[in-house]
């Protein structure tokens, strides 16, 4: 996977939670609070669906 494709990659809430070693609920809370930028997807189920760009996650992890 090229660097450009990697940065444009979209991750699910579960994937982000696994990478950060936190619960899915924590990631959803961060998104709702605005601490983590995410793309909101249309949904019909109980839970809102989100996707987080890999570049957003990488930036969060490299911040001091």
N, C-alpha and C. Protein backbone atom coordinates (compact mmCIF):
# COMPACT_ATOMS: atom_id res chain seq x y z
N UNK A 1 0.85 -1.19 0.00
CA UNK A 1 0.00 0.00 0.00
C UNK A 1 0.89 1.24 0.00
N UNK A 2 0.65 2.15 -0.91
CA UNK A 2 1.45 3.36 -0.98
C UNK A 2 1.12 4.29 0.18
N UNK A 3 1.99 5.25 0.42
CA UNK A 3 1.80 6.21 1.52
C UNK A 3 0.51 7.00 1.34
N UNK A 4 0.19 7.41 0.11
CA UNK A 4 -1.02 8.18 -0.16
C UNK A 4 -2.25 7.34 0.15
N UNK A 5 -2.29 6.10 -0.34
CA UNK A 5 -3.42 5.21 -0.07
C UNK A 5 -3.58 4.94 1.42
N UNK A 6 -2.46 4.80 2.12
CA UNK A 6 -2.50 4.53 3.56
C UNK A 6 -3.14 5.72 4.29
N UNK A 7 -2.79 6.95 3.93
CA UNK A 7 -3.33 8.12 4.61
C UNK A 7 -4.81 8.32 4.30
N UNK A 8 -5.25 7.89 3.12
CA UNK A 8 -6.65 8.05 2.74
C UNK A 8 -7.51 6.88 3.23
N UNK A 9 -6.87 5.87 3.78
CA UNK A 9 -7.59 4.70 4.28
C UNK A 9 -8.59 5.11 5.37
N UNK A 10 -9.78 4.54 5.31
CA UNK A 10 -10.81 4.81 6.32
C UNK A 10 -10.90 3.64 7.28
N UNK A 11 -10.89 3.95 8.57
CA UNK A 11 -10.93 2.93 9.61
C UNK A 11 -12.28 2.96 10.33
N UNK A 12 -12.75 1.81 10.73
CA UNK A 12 -13.98 1.74 11.51
C UNK A 12 -13.68 2.12 12.96
N UNK A 13 -14.74 2.36 13.72
CA UNK A 13 -14.59 2.66 15.14
C UNK A 13 -13.88 1.51 15.84
N UNK A 14 -14.25 0.29 15.50
CA UNK A 14 -13.63 -0.88 16.13
C UNK A 14 -12.14 -0.96 15.82
N UNK A 15 -11.75 -0.67 14.58
CA UNK A 15 -10.33 -0.70 14.20
C UNK A 15 -9.54 0.36 14.95
N UNK A 16 -10.11 1.55 15.07
CA UNK A 16 -9.44 2.63 15.81
C UNK A 16 -9.30 2.24 17.27
N UNK A 17 -10.35 1.69 17.84
CA UNK A 17 -10.32 1.27 19.24
C UNK A 17 -9.23 0.22 19.47
N UNK A 18 -9.13 -0.73 18.56
CA UNK A 18 -8.12 -1.77 18.68
C UNK A 18 -6.71 -1.17 18.62
N UNK A 19 -6.49 -0.25 17.68
CA UNK A 19 -5.18 0.37 17.54
C UNK A 19 -4.79 1.20 18.75
N UNK A 20 -5.78 1.86 19.37
CA UNK A 20 -5.52 2.71 20.53
C UNK A 20 -5.65 1.96 21.85
N UNK A 21 -6.08 0.70 21.76
CA UNK A 21 -6.26 -0.14 22.93
C UNK A 21 -7.26 0.46 23.93
N UNK A 22 -8.38 0.90 23.38
CA UNK A 22 -9.49 1.41 24.18
C UNK A 22 -10.77 0.74 23.70
N UNK A 23 -11.86 0.98 24.41
CA UNK A 23 -13.15 0.41 24.05
C UNK A 23 -13.78 1.20 22.91
N UNK A 24 -14.64 0.56 22.13
CA UNK A 24 -15.36 1.23 21.05
C UNK A 24 -16.12 2.45 21.57
N UNK A 25 -16.71 2.31 22.75
CA UNK A 25 -17.50 3.40 23.34
C UNK A 25 -16.64 4.63 23.57
N UNK A 26 -15.39 4.43 23.95
CA UNK A 26 -14.47 5.55 24.17
C UNK A 26 -14.23 6.30 22.87
N UNK A 27 -14.01 5.57 21.79
CA UNK A 27 -13.78 6.19 20.48
C UNK A 27 -15.01 6.98 20.06
N UNK A 28 -16.20 6.40 20.24
CA UNK A 28 -17.44 7.10 19.90
C UNK A 28 -17.59 8.37 20.72
N UNK A 29 -17.23 8.32 21.99
CA UNK A 29 -17.32 9.50 22.86
C UNK A 29 -16.37 10.59 22.36
N UNK A 30 -15.14 10.20 22.00
CA UNK A 30 -14.18 11.17 21.48
C UNK A 30 -14.70 11.84 20.22
N UNK A 31 -15.34 11.07 19.36
CA UNK A 31 -15.90 11.61 18.12
C UNK A 31 -17.01 12.61 18.44
N UNK A 32 -17.93 12.23 19.33
CA UNK A 32 -19.05 13.11 19.69
C UNK A 32 -18.57 14.38 20.38
N UNK A 33 -17.47 14.29 21.15
CA UNK A 33 -16.92 15.46 21.84
C UNK A 33 -16.10 16.35 20.90
N UNK A 34 -15.77 15.84 19.73
CA UNK A 34 -14.97 16.60 18.79
C UNK A 34 -13.47 16.41 18.96
N UNK A 35 -13.07 15.50 19.82
CA UNK A 35 -11.65 15.25 20.04
C UNK A 35 -11.02 14.42 18.92
N UNK A 36 -11.86 13.70 18.19
CA UNK A 36 -11.40 12.87 17.08
C UNK A 36 -12.30 13.14 15.88
N UNK A 37 -11.69 13.60 14.81
CA UNK A 37 -12.44 13.92 13.59
C UNK A 37 -12.84 12.63 12.88
N UNK A 38 -14.11 12.57 12.47
CA UNK A 38 -14.61 11.37 11.80
C UNK A 38 -15.62 11.74 10.73
N UNK A 39 -15.82 10.83 9.81
CA UNK A 39 -16.83 10.97 8.76
C UNK A 39 -18.07 10.24 9.26
N UNK A 40 -19.20 10.92 9.22
CA UNK A 40 -20.46 10.33 9.65
C UNK A 40 -21.13 9.69 8.45
N UNK A 41 -21.49 8.43 8.58
CA UNK A 41 -22.14 7.70 7.51
C UNK A 41 -23.64 7.62 7.76
N UNK A 42 -24.43 7.54 6.70
CA UNK A 42 -25.87 7.33 6.88
C UNK A 42 -26.10 5.97 7.54
N UNK A 43 -27.12 5.89 8.39
CA UNK A 43 -27.38 4.63 9.06
C UNK A 43 -28.86 4.46 9.36
N UNK A 44 -29.24 3.23 9.63
CA UNK A 44 -30.62 2.94 10.01
C UNK A 44 -30.68 2.17 11.32
N UNK A 45 -29.55 1.70 11.78
CA UNK A 45 -29.52 0.90 13.00
C UNK A 45 -29.53 1.75 14.26
N UNK A 46 -29.21 1.11 15.37
CA UNK A 46 -29.21 1.79 16.66
C UNK A 46 -28.04 2.75 16.82
N UNK A 47 -26.90 2.38 16.26
CA UNK A 47 -25.69 3.18 16.45
C UNK A 47 -25.32 3.94 15.20
N UNK A 48 -24.83 5.14 15.40
CA UNK A 48 -24.31 5.96 14.29
C UNK A 48 -23.04 5.31 13.76
N UNK A 49 -22.87 5.29 12.46
CA UNK A 49 -21.67 4.72 11.84
C UNK A 49 -20.69 5.83 11.52
N UNK A 50 -19.43 5.61 11.85
CA UNK A 50 -18.37 6.58 11.59
C UNK A 50 -17.20 5.89 10.90
N UNK A 51 -16.40 6.71 10.21
CA UNK A 51 -15.11 6.26 9.68
C UNK A 51 -14.09 7.34 10.02
N UNK A 52 -12.90 6.89 10.38
CA UNK A 52 -11.81 7.79 10.74
C UNK A 52 -10.70 7.62 9.73
N UNK A 53 -10.22 8.74 9.19
CA UNK A 53 -9.11 8.67 8.23
C UNK A 53 -7.85 8.24 8.96
N UNK A 54 -7.07 7.39 8.30
CA UNK A 54 -5.79 6.93 8.86
C UNK A 54 -4.89 8.13 9.16
N UNK A 55 -4.91 9.14 8.28
CA UNK A 55 -4.06 10.32 8.49
C UNK A 55 -4.46 11.07 9.76
N UNK A 56 -5.76 11.10 10.08
CA UNK A 56 -6.23 11.75 11.30
C UNK A 56 -5.70 11.00 12.52
N UNK A 57 -5.77 9.69 12.49
CA UNK A 57 -5.27 8.87 13.59
C UNK A 57 -3.77 9.03 13.74
N UNK A 58 -3.04 9.01 12.62
CA UNK A 58 -1.58 9.17 12.66
C UNK A 58 -1.22 10.51 13.26
N UNK A 59 -1.95 11.57 12.91
CA UNK A 59 -1.68 12.91 13.45
C UNK A 59 -1.93 12.94 14.96
N UNK A 60 -3.00 12.29 15.39
CA UNK A 60 -3.32 12.23 16.81
C UNK A 60 -2.22 11.51 17.58
N UNK A 61 -1.72 10.42 17.03
CA UNK A 61 -0.69 9.64 17.70
C UNK A 61 0.66 10.33 17.71
N UNK A 62 0.92 11.20 16.76
CA UNK A 62 2.23 11.88 16.71
C UNK A 62 2.21 13.22 17.44
N UNK A 63 1.05 13.67 17.92
CA UNK A 63 0.97 14.94 18.65
C UNK A 63 1.67 14.80 20.00
N UNK A 64 2.32 15.89 20.43
CA UNK A 64 3.06 15.84 21.73
C UNK A 64 2.13 15.70 22.92
